[in-house]
Amino acid sequence: MASGVGIIVFIGAIFVLSGLKVLNEYERGVVFRLGRLTPYRGPGVIFVIPVLERMARIDLRTVTLDIPPQDVITKDNVTVKVSAVLYFRVVDPSRAVTEVANYLFATMQLAQTTLRSVGGQTELDELLSQRDKLNARIQEIVDAQTEPWGVKVTLVELKNIDLPQDMQRAIAAQAEAERERRAKVIAAEGEFQASQRLADAAEIMSKSPITLQLRYLQTLKEIATENNSTTVFPMPIDLFEPFRAFTKLAEGRDDKPKT
């Protein structure tokens, strides 16, 4: 009799121990009782009735999905390879188990499809220069699709955009031409500003002739500082006027016909 009771106690202990489950702080247990969903349990120690109940562990931590490079044809018909990374987590364990067969695989496939779709609606320049806008658009689309599964997409980031070699050369040539254009515009702007300053200076000198004399003295000082062996004497143009008049008179006499 005692041996029979001992066997029963032993079997009961095994039954109880087999039903004890330990869930970590970041885990939840979705339990089905005879196929019917019950409220999820955890964290800590929980009891699952053997045979009658079945439990699925769900990790609530953020999951990182590396989206492999996708062949994308942009809106302006340029073929590129685009890769990205997606961060998501489960916010409703029950729906993550009952609404989709494999939420990891489903989220990965949805992210790949969305990446190709959004890239196909975008021109190459926008794809290269407005990554933040594309990241937000992809995140919004994927999050809206995974919300019924109890999955929350927290972040999407484009990683690499691989361009064909001929397109890389074309972009490099375009960038070089743009830099040359800017350099020429800056040089022309500098010449324009310098000519304006010279015109302003000439106007001031015409109103006050003494400033021309002061400028001449300043120039002599600069020449004497740079090269002491050079001496400059100004020759007013007015001194040459008599000689020019005499030359014109002589030319007029030579043109007269001889009798």
C-alpha atoms as a PDB file:
ATOM      1  CA  MET A   1       0.000   0.000   0.000  1.00  0.00           C
ATOM      2  CA  ALA A   2       2.787   2.375   0.939  1.00  0.00           C
ATOM      3  CA  SER A   3       4.593   1.569  -2.266  1.00  0.00           C
ATOM      4  CA  GLY A   4       1.450   2.411  -4.253  1.00  0.00           C
ATOM      5  CA  VAL A   5       1.128   5.794  -2.552  1.00  0.00           C
ATOM      6  CA  GLY A   6       4.779   6.482  -3.188  1.00  0.00           C
ATOM      7  CA  ILE A   7       4.338   5.723  -6.874  1.00  0.00           C
ATOM      8  CA  ILE A   8       1.348   8.051  -7.063  1.00  0.00           C
ATOM      9  CA  VAL A   9       3.268  10.840  -5.321  1.00  0.00           C
ATOM     10  CA  PHE A  10       6.210  10.298  -7.636  1.00  0.00           C
ATOM     11  CA  ILE A  11       3.997  10.468 -10.715  1.00  0.00           C
ATOM     12  CA  GLY A  12       2.253  13.574  -9.352  1.00  0.00           C
ATOM     13  CA  ALA A  13       5.604  15.259  -8.724  1.00  0.00           C
ATOM     14  CA  ILE A  14       6.735  14.491 -12.263  1.00  0.00           C
ATOM     15  CA  PHE A  15       3.411  15.819 -13.556  1.00  0.00           C
ATOM     16  CA  VAL A  16       3.786  19.093 -11.642  1.00  0.00           C
ATOM     17  CA  LEU A  17       7.433  19.565 -12.507  1.00  0.00           C
ATOM     18  CA  SER A  18       6.825  18.897 -16.189  1.00  0.00           C
ATOM     19  CA  GLY A  19       4.251  21.691 -16.225  1.00  0.00           C
ATOM     20  CA  LEU A  20       6.483  24.320 -14.673  1.00  0.00           C
ATOM     21  CA  LYS A  21       7.974  26.786 -17.129  1.00  0.00           C
ATOM     22  CA  VAL A  22      10.350  29.679 -16.497  1.00  0.00           C
ATOM     23  CA  LEU A  23      10.023  32.728 -18.729  1.00  0.00           C
ATOM     24  CA  ASN A  24      12.644  35.445 -18.837  1.00  0.00           C
ATOM     25  CA  GLU A  25      11.772  39.106 -18.367  1.00  0.00           C
ATOM     26  CA  TYR A  26      11.715  39.652 -22.146  1.00  0.00           C
ATOM     27  CA  GLU A  27       9.617  36.541 -22.887  1.00  0.00           C
ATOM     28  CA  ARG A  28       5.926  35.810 -22.849  1.00  0.00           C
ATOM     29  CA  GLY A  29       4.141  32.481 -23.120  1.00  0.00           C
ATOM     30  CA  VAL A  30       1.163  32.136 -25.460  1.00  0.00           C
ATOM     31  CA  VAL A  31      -0.798  29.136 -24.137  1.00  0.00           C
ATOM     32  CA  PHE A  32      -3.389  27.073 -26.001  1.00  0.00           C
ATOM     33  CA  ARG A  33      -5.725  24.902 -23.905  1.00  0.00           C
ATOM     34  CA  LEU A  34      -7.207  22.124 -25.985  1.00  0.00           C
ATOM     35  CA  GLY A  35      -6.584  24.334 -29.029  1.00  0.00           C
ATOM     36  CA  ARG A  36      -8.221  27.427 -27.527  1.00  0.00           C
ATOM     37  CA  LEU A  37      -6.181  30.586 -26.965  1.00  0.00           C
ATOM     38  CA  THR A  38      -5.795  31.756 -23.378  1.00  0.00           C
ATOM     39  CA  PRO A  39      -4.289  35.059 -22.145  1.00  0.00           C
ATOM     40  CA  TYR A  40      -0.513  35.042 -22.522  1.00  0.00           C
ATOM     41  CA  ARG A  41       1.526  34.504 -19.382  1.00  0.00           C
ATOM     42  CA  GLY A  42       4.843  35.577 -17.909  1.00  0.00           C
ATOM     43  CA  PRO A  43       7.432  36.544 -17.092  1.00  0.00           C
ATOM     44  CA  GLY A  44       8.601  34.302 -14.265  1.00  0.00           C
ATOM     45  CA  VAL A  45       7.433  30.842 -13.296  1.00  0.00           C
ATOM     46  CA  ILE A  46       4.192  29.670 -14.890  1.00  0.00           C
ATOM     47  CA  PHE A  47       2.378  26.359 -14.917  1.00  0.00           C
ATOM     48  CA  VAL A  48       1.246  24.702 -18.124  1.00  0.00           C
ATOM     49  CA  ILE A  49      -1.057  21.709 -17.715  1.00  0.00           C
ATOM     50  CA  PRO A  50       0.646  18.807 -19.441  1.00  0.00           C
ATOM     51  CA  VAL A  51      -1.205  17.244 -22.364  1.00  0.00           C
ATOM     52  CA  LEU A  52      -4.068  19.740 -22.094  1.00  0.00           C
ATOM     53  CA  GLU A  53      -2.073  22.916 -22.724  1.00  0.00           C
ATOM     54  CA  ARG A  54       0.630  23.883 -25.223  1.00  0.00           C
ATOM     55  CA  MET A  55       2.852  26.963 -24.938  1.00  0.00           C
ATOM     56  CA  ALA A  56       4.703  29.053 -27.513  1.00  0.00           C
ATOM     57  CA  ARG A  57       7.519  31.352 -26.358  1.00  0.00           C
ATOM     58  CA  ILE A  58       7.556  34.863 -27.839  1.00  0.00           C
ATOM     59  CA  ASP A  59      10.562  37.167 -27.545  1.00  0.00           C
ATOM     60  CA  LEU A  60       9.622  40.818 -26.930  1.00  0.00           C
ATOM     61  CA  ARG A  61      13.085  42.247 -27.584  1.00  0.00           C
ATOM     62  CA  THR A  62      13.813  44.367 -30.650  1.00  0.00           C
ATOM     63  CA  VAL A  63      14.731  42.193 -33.622  1.00  0.00           C
ATOM     64  CA  THR A  64      17.183  43.343 -36.286  1.00  0.00           C
ATOM     65  CA  LEU A  65      16.466  42.173 -39.832  1.00  0.00           C
ATOM     66  CA  ASP A  66      19.181  42.625 -42.425  1.00  0.00           C
ATOM     67  CA  ILE A  67      17.410  43.074 -45.760  1.00  0.00           C
ATOM     68  CA  PRO A  68      19.679  41.687 -48.505  1.00  0.00           C
ATOM     69  CA  PRO A  69      20.450  43.799 -51.599  1.00  0.00           C
ATOM     70  CA  GLN A  70      17.399  44.184 -53.827  1.00  0.00           C
ATOM     71  CA  ASP A  71      17.426  44.940 -57.553  1.00  0.00           C
ATOM     72  CA  VAL A  72      15.491  48.190 -57.857  1.00  0.00           C
ATOM     73  CA  ILE A  73      14.559  49.986 -61.090  1.00  0.00           C
ATOM     74  CA  THR A  74      14.061  53.636 -60.211  1.00  0.00           C
ATOM     75  CA  LYS A  75      11.447  55.930 -61.671  1.00  0.00           C
ATOM     76  CA  ASP A  76      13.972  57.270 -64.202  1.00  0.00           C
ATOM     77  CA  ASN A  77      14.871  53.695 -65.324  1.00  0.00           C
ATOM     78  CA  VAL A  78      18.187  53.255 -63.508  1.00  0.00           C
ATOM     79  CA  THR A  79      18.937  49.798 -62.081  1.00  0.00           C
ATOM     80  CA  VAL A  80      20.527  49.861 -58.619  1.00  0.00           C
ATOM     81  CA  LYS A  81      21.021  47.450 -55.739  1.00  0.00           C
ATOM     82  CA  VAL A  82      19.622  48.694 -52.430  1.00  0.00           C
ATOM     83  CA  SER A  83      20.068  47.066 -49.032  1.00  0.00           C
ATOM     84  CA  ALA A  84      18.560  48.112 -45.724  1.00  0.00           C
ATOM     85  CA  VAL A  85      18.161  47.167 -42.084  1.00  0.00           C
ATOM     86  CA  LEU A  86      14.829  46.938 -40.239  1.00  0.00           C
ATOM     87  CA  TYR A  87      14.170  47.038 -36.490  1.00  0.00           C
ATOM     88  CA  PHE A  88      10.913  45.721 -35.015  1.00  0.00           C
ATOM     89  CA  ARG A  89       9.505  44.095 -31.907  1.00  0.00           C
ATOM     90  CA  VAL A  90       6.427  42.153 -30.880  1.00  0.00           C
ATOM     91  CA  VAL A  91       3.913  44.202 -28.904  1.00  0.00           C
ATOM     92  CA  ASP A  92       1.059  41.650 -28.830  1.00  0.00           C
ATOM     93  CA  PRO A  93       2.306  38.053 -28.393  1.00  0.00           C
ATOM     94  CA  SER A  94      -1.106  36.507 -28.909  1.00  0.00           C
ATOM     95  CA  ARG A  95      -1.651  38.087 -32.323  1.00  0.00           C
ATOM     96  CA  ALA A  96       1.957  37.335 -33.341  1.00  0.00           C
ATOM     97  CA  VAL A  97       1.142  33.639 -32.932  1.00  0.00           C
ATOM     98  CA  THR A  98      -2.467  33.473 -34.150  1.00  0.00           C
ATOM     99  CA  GLU A  99      -2.536  36.027 -37.018  1.00  0.00           C
ATOM    100  CA  VAL A 100       0.516  34.891 -38.991  1.00  0.00           C
ATOM    101  CA  ALA A 101       2.309  31.569 -39.314  1.00  0.00           C
ATOM    102  CA  ASN A 102       5.848  32.990 -38.968  1.00  0.00           C
ATOM    103  CA  TYR A 103       6.030  36.679 -38.163  1.00  0.00           C
ATOM    104  CA  LEU A 104       9.814  36.835 -38.702  1.00  0.00           C
ATOM    105  CA  PHE A 105       9.636  35.427 -42.226  1.00  0.00           C
ATOM    106  CA  ALA A 106       6.519  37.433 -43.062  1.00  0.00           C
ATOM    107  CA  THR A 107       8.073  40.709 -41.913  1.00  0.00           C
ATOM    108  CA  MET A 108      11.238  40.012 -43.899  1.00  0.00           C
ATOM    109  CA  GLN A 109       9.328  39.321 -47.121  1.00  0.00           C
ATOM    110  CA  LEU A 110       7.126  42.369 -46.636  1.00  0.00           C
ATOM    111  CA  ALA A 111      10.172  44.597 -46.047  1.00  0.00           C
ATOM    112  CA  GLN A 112      11.870  43.353 -49.234  1.00  0.00           C
ATOM    113  CA  THR A 113       8.764  43.915 -51.317  1.00  0.00           C
ATOM    114  CA  THR A 114       8.199  47.377 -49.867  1.00  0.00           C
ATOM    115  CA  LEU A 115      11.833  48.349 -50.491  1.00  0.00           C
ATOM    116  CA  ARG A 116      11.546  47.428 -54.169  1.00  0.00           C
ATOM    117  CA  SER A 117       8.170  49.146 -54.498  1.00  0.00           C
ATOM    118  CA  VAL A 118       9.227  52.441 -52.884  1.00  0.00           C
ATOM    119  CA  GLY A 119      12.497  52.453 -54.796  1.00  0.00           C
ATOM    120  CA  GLY A 120      10.626  51.981 -58.069  1.00  0.00           C
ATOM    121  CA  GLN A 121       8.524  55.070 -57.337  1.00  0.00           C
ATOM    122  CA  THR A 122      11.595  57.241 -56.652  1.00  0.00           C
ATOM    123  CA  GLU A 123      14.065  58.915 -58.982  1.00  0.00           C
ATOM    124  CA  LEU A 124      17.771  58.246 -58.564  1.00  0.00           C
ATOM    125  CA  ASP A 125      18.614  61.739 -57.289  1.00  0.00           C
ATOM    126  CA  GLU A 126      15.917  61.479 -54.621  1.00  0.00           C
ATOM    127  CA  LEU A 127      17.097  57.987 -53.678  1.00  0.00           C
ATOM    128  CA  LEU A 128      20.629  59.290 -53.108  1.00  0.00           C
ATOM    129  CA  SER A 129      19.859  62.604 -51.426  1.00  0.00           C
ATOM    130  CA  GLN A 130      16.632  62.024 -49.456  1.00  0.00           C
ATOM    131  CA  ARG A 131      17.270  58.824 -47.528  1.00  0.00           C
ATOM    132  CA  ASP A 132      15.496  60.046 -44.408  1.00  0.00           C
ATOM    133  CA  LYS A 133      12.311  60.587 -46.395  1.00  0.00           C
ATOM    134  CA  LEU A 134      12.520  57.115 -47.939  1.00  0.00           C
ATOM    135  CA  ASN A 135      13.277  55.508 -44.562  1.00  0.00           C
ATOM    136  CA  ALA A 136      10.168  57.105 -43.066  1.00  0.00           C
ATOM    137  CA  ARG A 137       8.020  56.051 -46.022  1.00  0.00           C
ATOM    138  CA  ILE A 138       9.170  52.415 -45.890  1.00  0.00           C
ATOM    139  CA  GLN A 139       8.704  52.295 -42.110  1.00  0.00           C
ATOM    140  CA  GLU A 140       5.183  53.692 -42.389  1.00  0.00           C
ATOM    141  CA  ILE A 141       4.147  51.159 -45.029  1.00  0.00           C
ATOM    142  CA  VAL A 142       5.658  48.117 -43.299  1.00  0.00           C
ATOM    143  CA  ASP A 143       4.344  49.167 -39.882  1.00  0.00           C
ATOM    144  CA  ALA A 144       0.818  49.561 -41.237  1.00  0.00           C
ATOM    145  CA  GLN A 145       0.948  46.059 -42.736  1.00  0.00           C
ATOM    146  CA  THR A 146       2.405  44.357 -39.662  1.00  0.00           C
ATOM    147  CA  GLU A 147       0.165  46.079 -37.101  1.00  0.00           C
ATOM    148  CA  PRO A 148      -2.538  43.351 -37.359  1.00  0.00           C
ATOM    149  CA  TRP A 149       0.165  40.784 -36.528  1.00  0.00           C
ATOM    150  CA  GLY A 150       1.035  42.511 -33.242  1.00  0.00           C
ATOM    151  CA  VAL A 151       4.395  43.662 -34.637  1.00  0.00           C
ATOM    152  CA  LYS A 152       5.688  47.236 -34.309  1.00  0.00           C
ATOM    153  CA  VAL A 153       8.324  48.490 -36.762  1.00  0.00           C
ATOM    154  CA  THR A 154      10.501  51.023 -34.927  1.00  0.00           C
ATOM    155  CA  LEU A 155      13.123  51.954 -37.518  1.00  0.00           C
ATOM    156  CA  VAL A 156      14.162  51.411 -41.127  1.00  0.00           C
ATOM    157  CA  GLU A 157      17.534  52.536 -42.488  1.00  0.00           C
ATOM    158  CA  LEU A 158      18.898  52.237 -46.015  1.00  0.00           C
ATOM    159  CA  LYS A 159      22.415  50.782 -45.821  1.00  0.00           C
ATOM    160  CA  ASN A 160      23.996  50.689 -49.268  1.00  0.00           C
ATOM    161  CA  ILE A 161      23.038  51.884 -52.735  1.00  0.00           C
ATOM    162  CA  ASP A 162      25.235  50.247 -55.362  1.00  0.00           C
ATOM    163  CA  LEU A 163      25.283  52.065 -58.708  1.00  0.00           C
ATOM    164  CA  PRO A 164      26.507  50.677 -62.060  1.00  0.00           C
ATOM    165  CA  GLN A 165      30.027  51.730 -63.061  1.00  0.00           C
ATOM    166  CA  ASP A 166      28.862  53.872 -65.984  1.00  0.00           C
ATOM    167  CA  MET A 167      26.411  55.686 -63.721  1.00  0.00           C
ATOM    168  CA  GLN A 168      29.149  56.323 -61.158  1.00  0.00           C
ATOM    169  CA  ARG A 169      31.336  57.872 -63.870  1.00  0.00           C
ATOM    170  CA  ALA A 170      28.443  60.025 -65.076  1.00  0.00           C
ATOM    171  CA  ILE A 171      27.726  61.279 -61.559  1.00  0.00           C
ATOM    172  CA  ALA A 172      31.429  62.037 -61.009  1.00  0.00           C
ATOM    173  CA  ALA A 173      31.559  64.001 -64.282  1.00  0.00           C
ATOM    174  CA  GLN A 174      28.424  65.899 -63.305  1.00  0.00           C
ATOM    175  CA  ALA A 175      29.888  66.774 -59.905  1.00  0.00           C
ATOM    176  CA  GLU A 176      33.130  67.974 -61.499  1.00  0.00           C
ATOM    177  CA  ALA A 177      31.239  70.138 -63.983  1.00  0.00           C
ATOM    178  CA  GLU A 178      29.189  71.593 -61.134  1.00  0.00           C
ATOM    179  CA  ARG A 179      32.358  72.477 -59.201  1.00  0.00           C
ATOM    180  CA  GLU A 180      33.840  74.172 -62.282  1.00  0.00           C
ATOM    181  CA  ARG A 181      30.628  76.136 -62.799  1.00  0.00           C
ATOM    182  CA  ARG A 182      30.684  77.347 -59.212  1.00  0.00           C
ATOM    183  CA  ALA A 183      34.346  78.352 -59.502  1.00  0.00           C
ATOM    184  CA  LYS A 184      33.648  80.385 -62.635  1.00  0.00           C
ATOM    185  CA  VAL A 185      30.617  82.037 -61.073  1.00  0.00           C
ATOM    186  CA  ILE A 186      32.615  82.952 -57.968  1.00  0.00           C
ATOM    187  CA  ALA A 187      35.450  84.370 -60.104  1.00  0.00           C
ATOM    188  CA  ALA A 188      33.009  86.384 -62.205  1.00  0.00           C
ATOM    189  CA  GLU A 189      31.303  87.671 -59.084  1.00  0.00           C
ATOM    190  CA  GLY A 190      34.674  88.755 -57.730  1.00  0.00           C
ATOM    191  CA  GLU A 191      35.527  90.615 -60.928  1.00  0.00           C
ATOM    192  CA  PHE A 192      32.152  92.330 -60.867  1.00  0.00           C
ATOM    193  CA  GLN A 193      32.585  93.465 -57.277  1.00  0.00           C
ATOM    194  CA  ALA A 194      36.134  94.664 -57.999  1.00  0.00           C
ATOM    195  CA  SER A 195      34.951  96.696 -61.007  1.00  0.00           C
ATOM    196  CA  GLN A 196      32.234  98.263 -58.862  1.00  0.00           C
ATOM    197  CA  ARG A 197      34.801  99.265 -56.252  1.00  0.00           C
ATOM    198  CA  LEU A 198      37.090 100.720 -58.926  1.00  0.00           C
ATOM    199  CA  ALA A 199      34.220 102.713 -60.391  1.00  0.00           C
ATOM    200  CA  ASP A 200      33.380 104.063 -56.933  1.00  0.00           C
ATOM    201  CA  ALA A 201      37.030 104.990 -56.361  1.00  0.00           C
ATOM    202  CA  ALA A 202      37.254 106.740 -59.742  1.00  0.00           C
ATOM    203  CA  GLU A 203      34.156 108.749 -58.963  1.00  0.00           C
ATOM    204  CA  ILE A 204      35.575 109.852 -55.605  1.00  0.00           C
ATOM    205  CA  MET A 205      38.895 110.829 -57.207  1.00  0.00           C
ATOM    206  CA  SER A 206      37.124 112.850 -59.908  1.00  0.00           C
ATOM    207  CA  LYS A 207      35.358 114.878 -57.235  1.00  0.00           C
ATOM    208  CA  SER A 208      38.524 115.422 -55.163  1.00  0.00           C
ATOM    209  CA  PRO A 209      41.701 115.561 -57.303  1.00  0.00           C
ATOM    210  CA  ILE A 210      43.909 115.606 -54.211  1.00  0.00           C
ATOM    211  CA  THR A 211      43.031 111.967 -53.603  1.00  0.00           C
ATOM    212  CA  LEU A 212      44.783 111.021 -56.845  1.00  0.00           C
ATOM    213  CA  GLN A 213      47.948 112.693 -55.580  1.00  0.00           C
ATOM    214  CA  LEU A 214      47.657 110.860 -52.263  1.00  0.00           C
ATOM    215  CA  ARG A 215      47.189 107.582 -54.085  1.00  0.00           C
ATOM    216  CA  TYR A 216      50.269 108.310 -56.168  1.00  0.00           C
ATOM    217  CA  LEU A 217      52.342 108.922 -53.037  1.00  0.00           C
ATOM    218  CA  GLN A 218      51.058 105.690 -51.532  1.00  0.00           C
ATOM    219  CA  THR A 219      52.076 103.799 -54.670  1.00  0.00           C
ATOM    220  CA  LEU A 220      55.596 105.319 -54.530  1.00  0.00           C
ATOM    221  CA  LYS A 221      55.862 104.188 -50.927  1.00  0.00           C
ATOM    222  CA  GLU A 222      54.896 100.628 -51.821  1.00  0.00           C
ATOM    223  CA  ILE A 223      57.409 100.534 -54.686  1.00  0.00           C
ATOM    224  CA  ALA A 224      60.181 101.864 -52.473  1.00  0.00           C
ATOM    225  CA  THR A 225      59.426  99.197 -49.872  1.00  0.00           C
ATOM    226  CA  GLU A 226      59.419  96.292 -52.321  1.00  0.00           C
ATOM    227  CA  ASN A 227      62.338  97.324 -54.559  1.00  0.00           C
ATOM    228  CA  ASN A 228      64.638 100.155 -53.474  1.00  0.00           C
ATOM    229  CA  SER A 229      66.509 100.258 -56.812  1.00  0.00           C
ATOM    230  CA  THR A 230      63.432 101.369 -58.746  1.00  0.00           C
ATOM    231  CA  THR A 231      62.406 105.005 -59.015  1.00  0.00           C
ATOM    232  CA  VAL A 232      59.270 106.176 -60.773  1.00  0.00           C
ATOM    233  CA  PHE A 233      58.720 109.713 -62.036  1.00  0.00           C
ATOM    234  CA  PRO A 234      55.190 110.577 -63.122  1.00  0.00           C
ATOM    235  CA  MET A 235      54.760 112.261 -66.477  1.00  0.00           C
ATOM    236  CA  PRO A 236      51.494 114.156 -66.762  1.00  0.00           C
ATOM    237  CA  ILE A 237      49.759 113.528 -70.063  1.00  0.00           C
ATOM    238  CA  ASP A 238      49.130 117.258 -70.434  1.00  0.00           C
ATOM    239  CA  LEU A 239      52.825 117.765 -71.184  1.00  0.00           C
ATOM    240  CA  PHE A 240      52.488 115.765 -74.370  1.00  0.00           C
ATOM    241  CA  GLU A 241      49.635 117.829 -75.783  1.00  0.00           C
ATOM    242  CA  PRO A 242      51.898 120.464 -77.505  1.00  0.00           C
ATOM    243  CA  PHE A 243      53.882 117.726 -79.191  1.00  0.00           C
ATOM    244  CA  ARG A 244      50.715 116.055 -80.428  1.00  0.00           C
ATOM    245  CA  ALA A 245      49.421 119.355 -81.798  1.00  0.00           C
ATOM    246  CA  PHE A 246      52.747 120.015 -83.536  1.00  0.00           C
ATOM    247  CA  THR A 247      52.657 116.539 -85.084  1.00  0.00           C
ATOM    248  CA  LYS A 248      49.159 117.097 -86.466  1.00  0.00           C
ATOM    249  CA  LEU A 249      50.216 120.453 -87.898  1.00  0.00           C
ATOM    250  CA  ALA A 250      53.220 118.918 -89.601  1.00  0.00           C
ATOM    251  CA  GLU A 251      51.101 116.153 -91.080  1.00  0.00           C
ATOM    252  CA  GLY A 252      48.687 118.791 -92.417  1.00  0.00           C
ATOM    253  CA  ARG A 253      51.463 120.637 -94.216  1.00  0.00           C
ATOM    254  CA  ASP A 254      52.777 117.510 -95.791  1.00  0.00           C
ATOM    255  CA  ASP A 255      49.339 116.722 -97.209  1.00  0.00           C
ATOM    256  CA  LYS A 256      49.040 120.057 -99.081  1.00  0.00           C
ATOM    257  CA  PRO A 257      49.636 119.786-102.880  1.00  0.00           C
ATOM    258  CA  LYS A 258      52.850 121.393-104.185  1.00  0.00           C
ATOM    259  CA  THR A 259      52.587 124.068-106.911  1.00  0.00           C
END
